[in-house]
């Protein structure tokens, strides 16, 4: 399980963010509110949930400035 990822926002996508952690890029699906609160090149910690299914592995995340 991936509890959180600390790194840098590379790009804001239609359904989430592209996030860089030590040279590894993660696509993290987020709500529109989370994506709108972050900007390119922001350093952030995104708390995550890895959804594992038979046909997909999807990483969902939430950023909260108050945590």
Protein backbone atom coordinates (compact mmCIF):
# COMPACT_ATOMS: atom_id res chain seq x y z
CA UNK A 1 0.00 0.00 0.00
CA UNK A 2 1.21 3.51 -0.78
CA UNK A 3 0.14 5.84 2.05
CA UNK A 4 1.44 9.08 0.60
CA UNK A 5 3.88 10.47 -1.94
CA UNK A 6 6.00 13.56 -1.33
CA UNK A 7 7.33 15.31 -4.41
CA UNK A 8 6.64 17.87 -7.15
CA UNK A 9 3.63 18.45 -9.38
CA UNK A 10 4.74 18.12 -13.02
CA UNK A 11 1.39 18.65 -14.76
CA UNK A 12 -2.30 19.07 -14.03
CA UNK A 13 -4.30 16.53 -16.06
CA UNK A 14 -8.03 16.33 -16.88
CA UNK A 15 -8.61 13.69 -14.22
CA UNK A 16 -5.71 14.20 -11.84
CA UNK A 17 -2.05 15.17 -11.62
CA UNK A 18 1.30 13.94 -12.88
CA UNK A 19 3.57 13.83 -9.85
CA UNK A 20 7.36 13.40 -9.69
CA UNK A 21 9.01 11.64 -6.76
CA UNK A 22 12.78 11.18 -7.12
CA UNK A 23 12.62 10.90 -10.90
CA UNK A 24 9.65 8.52 -10.98
CA UNK A 25 6.40 9.87 -12.45
CA UNK A 26 3.07 8.91 -10.88
CA UNK A 27 -0.33 9.63 -12.39
CA UNK A 28 -2.59 10.25 -9.42
CA UNK A 29 -6.33 10.50 -9.96
CA UNK A 30 -7.74 13.37 -7.90
CA UNK A 31 -10.88 15.40 -7.45
CA UNK A 32 -11.22 18.66 -9.35
CA UNK A 33 -10.83 20.55 -6.07
CA UNK A 34 -7.46 18.91 -5.35
CA UNK A 35 -6.22 19.48 -8.91
CA UNK A 36 -7.32 23.13 -8.78
CA UNK A 37 -5.53 23.71 -5.46
CA UNK A 38 -2.17 22.56 -6.89
CA UNK A 39 -0.03 24.18 -9.58
CA UNK A 40 2.85 22.99 -11.74
CA UNK A 41 6.15 22.83 -9.83
CA UNK A 42 4.43 22.87 -6.42
CA UNK A 43 6.08 20.70 -3.78
CA UNK A 44 3.38 18.73 -2.02
CA UNK A 45 2.50 15.62 -0.09
CA UNK A 46 -0.40 13.70 -1.62
CA UNK A 47 -2.11 11.07 0.51
CA UNK A 48 -2.98 8.10 -1.67
CA UNK A 49 -5.09 4.99 -2.04
CA UNK A 50 -4.03 2.24 -4.46
CA UNK A 51 -7.14 0.63 -5.99
CA UNK A 52 -6.26 -2.85 -7.26
CA UNK A 53 -8.72 -4.62 -9.54
CA UNK A 54 -8.49 -7.56 -11.89
CA UNK A 55 -8.10 -5.26 -14.90
CA UNK A 56 -6.40 -2.16 -13.46
CA UNK A 57 -4.27 -0.64 -10.73
CA UNK A 58 -5.22 3.00 -10.08
CA UNK A 59 -3.66 5.45 -7.65
CA UNK A 60 -6.09 7.96 -6.14
CA UNK A 61 -4.92 10.90 -4.09
CA UNK A 62 -5.94 13.80 -1.90
CA UNK A 63 -4.00 16.89 -0.97
CA UNK A 64 -5.03 18.99 2.01
CA UNK A 65 -3.16 22.15 2.94
CA UNK A 66 -4.30 21.75 6.55
CA UNK A 67 -2.81 18.28 7.12
